[in-house]
C-alpha atoms as a PDB file:
ATOM      1  CA  MET A   1     100.096  82.455 123.058  1.00  0.00           C
ATOM      2  CA  VAL A   2     101.167  78.962 122.002  1.00  0.00           C
ATOM      3  CA  LEU A   3     100.184  77.028 125.124  1.00  0.00           C
ATOM      4  CA  PHE A   4      97.678  78.921 127.237  1.00  0.00           C
ATOM      5  CA  LEU A   5      95.496  80.496 124.540  1.00  0.00           C
ATOM      6  CA  PRO A   6      94.433  77.119 123.035  1.00  0.00           C
ATOM      7  CA  LEU A   7      93.851  75.814 126.576  1.00  0.00           C
ATOM      8  CA  PHE A   8      91.623  78.802 127.286  1.00  0.00           C
ATOM      9  CA  PHE A   9      89.457  78.020 124.262  1.00  0.00           C
ATOM     10  CA  VAL A  10      89.318  74.368 125.310  1.00  0.00           C
ATOM     11  CA  LEU A  11      88.183  75.424 128.793  1.00  0.00           C
ATOM     12  CA  THR A  12      85.500  77.684 127.332  1.00  0.00           C
ATOM     13  CA  GLY A  13      84.324  74.882 125.053  1.00  0.00           C
ATOM     14  CA  LEU A  14      84.076  72.408 127.929  1.00  0.00           C
ATOM     15  CA  ARG A  15      82.025  74.876 129.963  1.00  0.00           C
ATOM     16  CA  THR A  16      79.647  75.501 127.074  1.00  0.00           C
ATOM     17  CA  GLN A  17      76.963  72.846 127.465  1.00  0.00           C
ATOM     18  CA  ILE A  18      74.591  73.309 124.542  1.00  0.00           C
ATOM     19  CA  GLY A  19      72.574  70.355 125.805  1.00  0.00           C
ATOM     20  CA  LEU A  20      71.273  72.539 128.633  1.00  0.00           C
ATOM     21  CA  LEU A  21      69.210  74.474 126.072  1.00  0.00           C
ATOM     22  CA  ASN A  22      66.714  71.633 125.775  1.00  0.00           C
ATOM     23  CA  THR A  23      63.475  73.573 125.533  1.00  0.00           C
ATOM     24  CA  MET A  24      61.998  75.961 122.999  1.00  0.00           C
ATOM     25  CA  ASP A  25      61.722  78.674 125.653  1.00  0.00           C
ATOM     26  CA  LEU A  26      65.460  78.566 126.358  1.00  0.00           C
ATOM     27  CA  TRP A  27      66.263  78.776 122.641  1.00  0.00           C
ATOM     28  CA  MET A  28      63.917  81.760 122.347  1.00  0.00           C
ATOM     29  CA  VAL A  29      65.750  83.445 125.221  1.00  0.00           C
ATOM     30  CA  CYS A  30      69.057  82.654 123.471  1.00  0.00           C
ATOM     31  CA  GLY A  31      67.746  84.230 120.269  1.00  0.00           C
ATOM     32  CA  LEU A  32      66.617  87.282 122.216  1.00  0.00           C
ATOM     33  CA  VAL A  33      70.085  87.610 123.784  1.00  0.00           C
ATOM     34  CA  ILE A  34      71.696  87.508 120.316  1.00  0.00           C
ATOM     35  CA  LEU A  35      69.200  90.040 118.935  1.00  0.00           C
ATOM     36  CA  VAL A  36      69.660  92.499 121.818  1.00  0.00           C
ATOM     37  CA  ALA A  37      73.469  92.154 121.674  1.00  0.00           C
ATOM     38  CA  PHE A  38      73.521  92.798 117.937  1.00  0.00           C
ATOM     39  CA  ILE A  39      71.083  95.718 117.962  1.00  0.00           C
ATOM     40  CA  GLY A  40      72.798  97.286 120.984  1.00  0.00           C
ATOM     41  CA  LYS A  41      76.198  97.604 119.312  1.00  0.00           C
ATOM     42  CA  PHE A  42      75.047  97.872 115.707  1.00  0.00           C
ATOM     43  CA  GLY A  43      72.410 100.506 116.369  1.00  0.00           C
ATOM     44  CA  GLY A  44      74.405 102.488 118.937  1.00  0.00           C
ATOM     45  CA  VAL A  45      77.581 102.716 116.859  1.00  0.00           C
ATOM     46  CA  THR A  46      75.689 103.386 113.617  1.00  0.00           C
ATOM     47  CA  ILE A  47      73.761 106.292 115.153  1.00  0.00           C
ATOM     48  CA  ALA A  48      76.882 107.722 116.817  1.00  0.00           C
ATOM     49  CA  ALA A  49      78.947 107.479 113.604  1.00  0.00           C
ATOM     50  CA  ARG A  50      76.177 109.065 111.562  1.00  0.00           C
ATOM     51  CA  TYR A  51      75.837 111.859 114.127  1.00  0.00           C
ATOM     52  CA  MET A  52      79.578 112.558 113.774  1.00  0.00           C
ATOM     53  CA  GLY A  53      79.186 113.065 110.026  1.00  0.00           C
ATOM     54  CA  GLN A  54      80.071 109.645 108.606  1.00  0.00           C
ATOM     55  CA  SER A  55      78.234 108.382 105.521  1.00  0.00           C
ATOM     56  CA  TRP A  56      75.538 105.762 105.908  1.00  0.00           C
ATOM     57  CA  GLN A  57      77.805 103.112 104.431  1.00  0.00           C
ATOM     58  CA  ASN A  58      80.626 103.875 106.856  1.00  0.00           C
ATOM     59  CA  SER A  59      78.236 104.141 109.793  1.00  0.00           C
ATOM     60  CA  LEU A  60      76.600 100.793 109.072  1.00  0.00           C
ATOM     61  CA  SER A  61      79.990  99.176 108.480  1.00  0.00           C
ATOM     62  CA  LEU A  62      81.287 100.431 111.824  1.00  0.00           C
ATOM     63  CA  GLY A  63      78.165  99.107 113.519  1.00  0.00           C
ATOM     64  CA  ALA A  64      78.690  95.697 111.947  1.00  0.00           C
ATOM     65  CA  LEU A  65      82.376  95.626 112.888  1.00  0.00           C
ATOM     66  CA  MET A  66      81.593  96.352 116.530  1.00  0.00           C
ATOM     67  CA  ASN A  67      79.870  92.975 116.723  1.00  0.00           C
ATOM     68  CA  THR A  68      83.233  91.211 116.366  1.00  0.00           C
ATOM     69  CA  ARG A  69      83.498  90.397 120.041  1.00  0.00           C
ATOM     70  CA  GLY A  70      86.249  87.772 119.945  1.00  0.00           C
ATOM     71  CA  LEU A  71      88.583  86.850 122.781  1.00  0.00           C
ATOM     72  CA  MET A  72      87.800  89.693 125.195  1.00  0.00           C
ATOM     73  CA  GLU A  73      84.128  88.720 125.343  1.00  0.00           C
ATOM     74  CA  LEU A  74      85.016  85.125 126.215  1.00  0.00           C
ATOM     75  CA  ILE A  75      87.420  86.278 128.946  1.00  0.00           C
ATOM     76  CA  VAL A  76      84.699  88.384 130.572  1.00  0.00           C
ATOM     77  CA  LEU A  77      82.194  85.517 130.321  1.00  0.00           C
ATOM     78  CA  ASN A  78      84.607  83.066 131.965  1.00  0.00           C
ATOM     79  CA  ILE A  79      85.301  85.500 134.802  1.00  0.00           C
ATOM     80  CA  GLY A  80      81.571  85.953 135.330  1.00  0.00           C
ATOM     81  CA  TYR A  81      81.052  82.195 135.287  1.00  0.00           C
ATOM     82  CA  GLU A  82      83.764  81.626 137.897  1.00  0.00           C
ATOM     83  CA  LEU A  83      82.243  84.340 140.139  1.00  0.00           C
ATOM     84  CA  GLY A  84      78.843  82.686 139.883  1.00  0.00           C
ATOM     85  CA  ILE A  85      77.216  85.568 138.010  1.00  0.00           C
ATOM     86  CA  PHE A  86      76.105  83.287 135.155  1.00  0.00           C
ATOM     87  CA  THR A  87      74.313  80.006 135.427  1.00  0.00           C
ATOM     88  CA  PRO A  88      75.629  77.248 133.133  1.00  0.00           C
ATOM     89  CA  SER A  89      72.688  77.730 130.747  1.00  0.00           C
ATOM     90  CA  MET A  90      73.106  81.522 130.651  1.00  0.00           C
ATOM     91  CA  PHE A  91      76.859  81.103 130.093  1.00  0.00           C
ATOM     92  CA  THR A  92      76.096  78.859 127.126  1.00  0.00           C
ATOM     93  CA  MET A  93      73.707  81.447 125.697  1.00  0.00           C
ATOM     94  CA  MET A  94      76.299  84.204 126.026  1.00  0.00           C
ATOM     95  CA  VAL A  95      79.016  82.119 124.334  1.00  0.00           C
ATOM     96  CA  ILE A  96      76.644  81.299 121.471  1.00  0.00           C
ATOM     97  CA  MET A  97      75.847  85.017 121.228  1.00  0.00           C
ATOM     98  CA  ALA A  98      79.551  85.939 121.051  1.00  0.00           C
ATOM     99  CA  LEU A  99      80.215  83.381 118.332  1.00  0.00           C
ATOM    100  CA  ALA A 100      77.057  84.130 116.344  1.00  0.00           C
ATOM    101  CA  THR A 101      77.573  87.913 116.268  1.00  0.00           C
ATOM    102  CA  THR A 102      81.255  87.482 115.345  1.00  0.00           C
ATOM    103  CA  PHE A 103      80.432  85.113 112.481  1.00  0.00           C
ATOM    104  CA  PHE A 104      77.686  87.477 111.311  1.00  0.00           C
ATOM    105  CA  THR A 105      80.130  90.384 110.850  1.00  0.00           C
ATOM    106  CA  GLY A 106      81.521  89.212 107.505  1.00  0.00           C
ATOM    107  CA  PRO A 107      78.148  88.600 105.795  1.00  0.00           C
ATOM    108  CA  ALA A 108      76.820  91.879 107.233  1.00  0.00           C
ATOM    109  CA  LEU A 109      79.714  93.861 105.743  1.00  0.00           C
ATOM    110  CA  SER A 110      79.299  92.125 102.381  1.00  0.00           C
ATOM    111  CA  PHE A 111      75.579  92.918 102.375  1.00  0.00           C
ATOM    112  CA  ILE A 112      76.196  96.566 103.288  1.00  0.00           C
ATOM    113  CA  ASN A 113      78.791  96.964 100.529  1.00  0.00           C
ATOM    114  CA  LEU A 114      76.406  95.298  98.080  1.00  0.00           C
ATOM    115  CA  CYS A 115      73.601  97.704  98.976  1.00  0.00           C
ATOM    116  CA  PHE A 116      75.838 100.739  98.516  1.00  0.00           C
ATOM    117  CA  THR A 117      77.543  99.631  95.299  1.00  0.00           C
ATOM    118  CA  LYS A 118      77.741 102.650  93.011  1.00  0.00           C
ATOM    119  CA  LYS A 119      76.507 102.253  89.472  1.00  0.00           C
ATOM    120  CA  ILE A 120      79.070 103.221  86.848  1.00  0.00           C
ATOM    121  CA  ILE A 121      77.648 105.550  84.215  1.00  0.00           C
ATOM    122  CA  PRO A 122      78.700 104.597  80.649  1.00  0.00           C
ATOM    123  CA  GLY A 123      81.474 106.886  79.479  1.00  0.00           C
ATOM    124  CA  PHE A 124      82.276 108.009  83.042  1.00  0.00           C
ATOM    125  CA  THR A 125      85.369 106.753  84.856  1.00  0.00           C
ATOM    126  CA  PRO A 126      85.208 107.169  88.638  1.00  0.00           C
ATOM    127  CA  ASP A 127      88.323 108.489  90.356  1.00  0.00           C
ATOM    128  CA  ILE A 128      89.050 105.152  92.019  1.00  0.00           C
ATOM    129  CA  LEU A 129      89.425 103.547  88.573  1.00  0.00           C
ATOM    130  CA  LYS A 130      91.677 106.245  87.181  1.00  0.00           C
ATOM    131  CA  PRO A 131      95.390 105.458  87.305  1.00  0.00           C
ATOM    132  CA  PHE A 132      97.341 106.962  90.169  1.00  0.00           C
ATOM    133  CA  ARG A 133     100.601 108.783  89.560  1.00  0.00           C
ATOM    134  CA  ILE A 134     103.213 108.264  92.255  1.00  0.00           C
ATOM    135  CA  LEU A 135     106.312 110.436  92.271  1.00  0.00           C
ATOM    136  CA  ILE A 136     109.298 109.026  94.168  1.00  0.00           C
ATOM    137  CA  SER A 137     112.047 111.518  94.978  1.00  0.00           C
ATOM    138  CA  PHE A 138     115.239 110.092  96.433  1.00  0.00           C
ATOM    139  CA  ALA A 139     118.832 111.045  97.067  1.00  0.00           C
ATOM    140  CA  GLN A 140     120.479 107.696  97.813  1.00  0.00           C
ATOM    141  CA  PRO A 141     119.900 104.828  95.333  1.00  0.00           C
ATOM    142  CA  LYS A 142     119.212 102.351  98.176  1.00  0.00           C
ATOM    143  CA  MET A 143     116.485 104.622  99.527  1.00  0.00           C
ATOM    144  CA  GLY A 144     114.932 104.855  96.058  1.00  0.00           C
ATOM    145  CA  SER A 145     114.622 101.076  95.943  1.00  0.00           C
ATOM    146  CA  SER A 146     112.962 101.028  99.383  1.00  0.00           C
ATOM    147  CA  LEU A 147     110.523 103.782  98.407  1.00  0.00           C
ATOM    148  CA  LEU A 148     109.597 101.898  95.246  1.00  0.00           C
ATOM    149  CA  LYS A 149     108.681  98.855  97.366  1.00  0.00           C
ATOM    150  CA  LEU A 150     106.594 101.133  99.581  1.00  0.00           C
ATOM    151  CA  ALA A 151     104.819 102.620  96.551  1.00  0.00           C
ATOM    152  CA  ASN A 152     104.105  99.133  95.230  1.00  0.00           C
ATOM    153  CA  PHE A 153     102.599  98.239  98.628  1.00  0.00           C
ATOM    154  CA  LEU A 154     100.406 101.345  98.776  1.00  0.00           C
ATOM    155  CA  ALA A 155      98.895 101.084  95.294  1.00  0.00           C
ATOM    156  CA  ASP A 156      98.074  98.510  92.675  1.00  0.00           C
ATOM    157  CA  SER A 157     101.003  98.582  90.271  1.00  0.00           C
ATOM    158  CA  LYS A 158      98.718  97.606  87.378  1.00  0.00           C
ATOM    159  CA  ASN A 159      96.711 100.796  87.841  1.00  0.00           C
ATOM    160  CA  THR A 160      99.565 103.092  88.842  1.00  0.00           C
ATOM    161  CA  ASN A 161     102.133 105.192  86.995  1.00  0.00           C
ATOM    162  CA  ILE A 162     105.308 105.444  89.087  1.00  0.00           C
ATOM    163  CA  THR A 163     108.035 107.980  88.324  1.00  0.00           C
ATOM    164  CA  ALA A 164     111.400 107.986  90.094  1.00  0.00           C
ATOM    165  CA  LEU A 165     112.898 111.459  90.428  1.00  0.00           C
ATOM    166  CA  HIS A 166     116.559 112.072  91.232  1.00  0.00           C
ATOM    167  CA  ILE A 167     118.035 115.563  91.333  1.00  0.00           C
ATOM    168  CA  THR A 168     121.800 115.999  91.676  1.00  0.00           C
ATOM    169  CA  PRO A 169     122.695 119.193  93.600  1.00  0.00           C
ATOM    170  CA  SER A 170     125.327 120.218  91.085  1.00  0.00           C
ATOM    171  CA  SER A 171     125.400 121.950  87.721  1.00  0.00           C
ATOM    172  CA  GLU A 172     129.101 121.253  87.103  1.00  0.00           C
ATOM    173  CA  LEU A 173     128.613 117.855  85.444  1.00  0.00           C
ATOM    174  CA  ASN A 174     129.189 117.786  81.714  1.00  0.00           C
ATOM    175  CA  TYR A 175     126.789 116.074  79.355  1.00  0.00           C
ATOM    176  CA  HIS A 176     128.512 112.690  79.301  1.00  0.00           C
ATOM    177  CA  GLY A 177     129.204 112.775  83.034  1.00  0.00           C
ATOM    178  CA  ALA A 178     125.529 113.478  83.744  1.00  0.00           C
ATOM    179  CA  ILE A 179     124.474 110.514  81.589  1.00  0.00           C
ATOM    180  CA  ASP A 180     126.854 108.172  83.412  1.00  0.00           C
ATOM    181  CA  TYR A 181     125.745 109.455  86.822  1.00  0.00           C
ATOM    182  CA  GLU A 182     122.089 109.080  85.861  1.00  0.00           C
ATOM    183  CA  GLU A 183     122.619 105.458  84.833  1.00  0.00           C
ATOM    184  CA  GLU A 184     124.410 104.682  88.105  1.00  0.00           C
ATOM    185  CA  SER A 185     121.699 106.372  90.171  1.00  0.00           C
ATOM    186  CA  PHE A 186     118.862 104.343  88.664  1.00  0.00           C
ATOM    187  CA  ILE A 187     120.538 100.908  88.425  1.00  0.00           C
ATOM    188  CA  LEU A 188     119.258  99.658  91.778  1.00  0.00           C
ATOM    189  CA  ILE A 189     115.723 101.037  91.494  1.00  0.00           C
ATOM    190  CA  LYS A 190     115.352  99.689  87.957  1.00  0.00           C
ATOM    191  CA  HIS A 191     116.469  96.272  89.202  1.00  0.00           C
ATOM    192  CA  THR A 192     113.799  96.439  91.940  1.00  0.00           C
ATOM    193  CA  ALA A 193     111.198  97.494  89.368  1.00  0.00           C
ATOM    194  CA  ASN A 194     112.016  94.455  87.229  1.00  0.00           C
ATOM    195  CA  GLU A 195     111.693  92.164  90.264  1.00  0.00           C
ATOM    196  CA  LEU A 196     108.295  93.648  91.148  1.00  0.00           C
ATOM    197  CA  ASN A 197     107.179  93.790  87.499  1.00  0.00           C
ATOM    198  CA  ILE A 198     106.606  97.545  87.664  1.00  0.00           C
ATOM    199  CA  ASN A 199     106.624  99.856  84.657  1.00  0.00           C
ATOM    200  CA  LEU A 200     108.893 102.580  86.028  1.00  0.00           C
ATOM    201  CA  GLU A 201     109.599 106.002  84.522  1.00  0.00           C
ATOM    202  CA  THR A 202     112.720 107.905  85.508  1.00  0.00           C
ATOM    203  CA  ASP A 203     113.402 111.624  85.672  1.00  0.00           C
ATOM    204  CA  TYR A 204     116.884 113.046  86.311  1.00  0.00           C
ATOM    205  CA  LYS A 205     118.275 116.554  86.605  1.00  0.00           C
ATOM    206  CA  ALA A 206     121.632 117.986  87.642  1.00  0.00           C
ATOM    207  CA  THR A 207     121.172 121.538  88.901  1.00  0.00           C
ATOM    208  CA  GLY A 208     122.440 124.017  91.431  1.00  0.00           C
ATOM    209  CA  MET A 209     118.856 125.055  92.325  1.00  0.00           C
ATOM    210  CA  VAL A 210     117.482 121.877  93.842  1.00  0.00           C
ATOM    211  CA  SER A 211     114.395 123.416  95.517  1.00  0.00           C
ATOM    212  CA  GLU A 212     113.262 125.288  92.425  1.00  0.00           C
ATOM    213  CA  GLU A 213     113.836 122.311  90.160  1.00  0.00           C
ATOM    214  CA  GLY A 214     112.065 120.005  92.614  1.00  0.00           C
ATOM    215  CA  GLY A 215     109.052 122.326  92.603  1.00  0.00           C
ATOM    216  CA  ARG A 216     108.893 122.342  88.816  1.00  0.00           C
ATOM    217  CA  LYS A 217     109.130 118.550  88.690  1.00  0.00           C
ATOM    218  CA  PHE A 218     106.367 118.254  91.279  1.00  0.00           C
ATOM    219  CA  ILE A 219     104.044 120.526  89.291  1.00  0.00           C
ATOM    220  CA  LYS A 220     104.758 118.463  86.203  1.00  0.00           C
ATOM    221  CA  HIS A 221     103.566 115.303  87.942  1.00  0.00           C
ATOM    222  CA  CYS A 222     100.929 116.852  90.230  1.00  0.00           C
ATOM    223  CA  GLU A 223      97.751 115.474  88.591  1.00  0.00           C
ATOM    224  CA  LYS A 224      96.442 112.996  91.156  1.00  0.00           C
ATOM    225  CA  VAL A 225      99.930 112.439  92.522  1.00  0.00           C
ATOM    226  CA  ILE A 226     101.205 110.778  95.667  1.00  0.00           C
ATOM    227  CA  LEU A 227     104.606 112.158  96.637  1.00  0.00           C
ATOM    228  CA  ILE A 228     107.051 109.891  98.450  1.00  0.00           C
ATOM    229  CA  TYR A 229     110.452 111.362  99.159  1.00  0.00           C
ATOM    230  CA  PHE A 230     113.468 111.000 101.400  1.00  0.00           C
END
């Protein structure tokens, strides 16, 4: 990866002689190669994705992404060149096609997303803008800290309400003992929340009916909730 991959690109660059395309006819053929390559993958994948039930936006996006040819295309072209399948001018056209279609992928995706941008109706908040509620249920404090980092990775903390749930499988703790145990259980996860700048809510319960209490807690937080537990 460090030595041979850069050398491969250097070799491909040395073989690509753009000066061979010195006539308008050759540049027209090069343009035709790019057009056929783009339409072939874009059109084929778009139609197939749409046939399988994808939306037009997803279908067009998949078609655009398929034009990211990259390294594999260059490997195939170099093998064909070494076997004498491509002439130097045709090899140059194919390399230009691979680069042009790859560079075109980003602008194509941006244009597709722009065309399918949904208009927000005044007074209406789409679901994607509504805050998520993530419920983290953990047994070991260290695992709660890890799950909080995972929740922060999955969702934007600025638009997410995260609740940490810890249920102790015991109903023998007295009031003061339960308070002390609760504080100890949430020390580590609260420290992680402060490091990540997350507004964390905590929920604690000591009970002998863990499953039933867990179900009640889940229903309490079930409005648009993502449940992460261990």
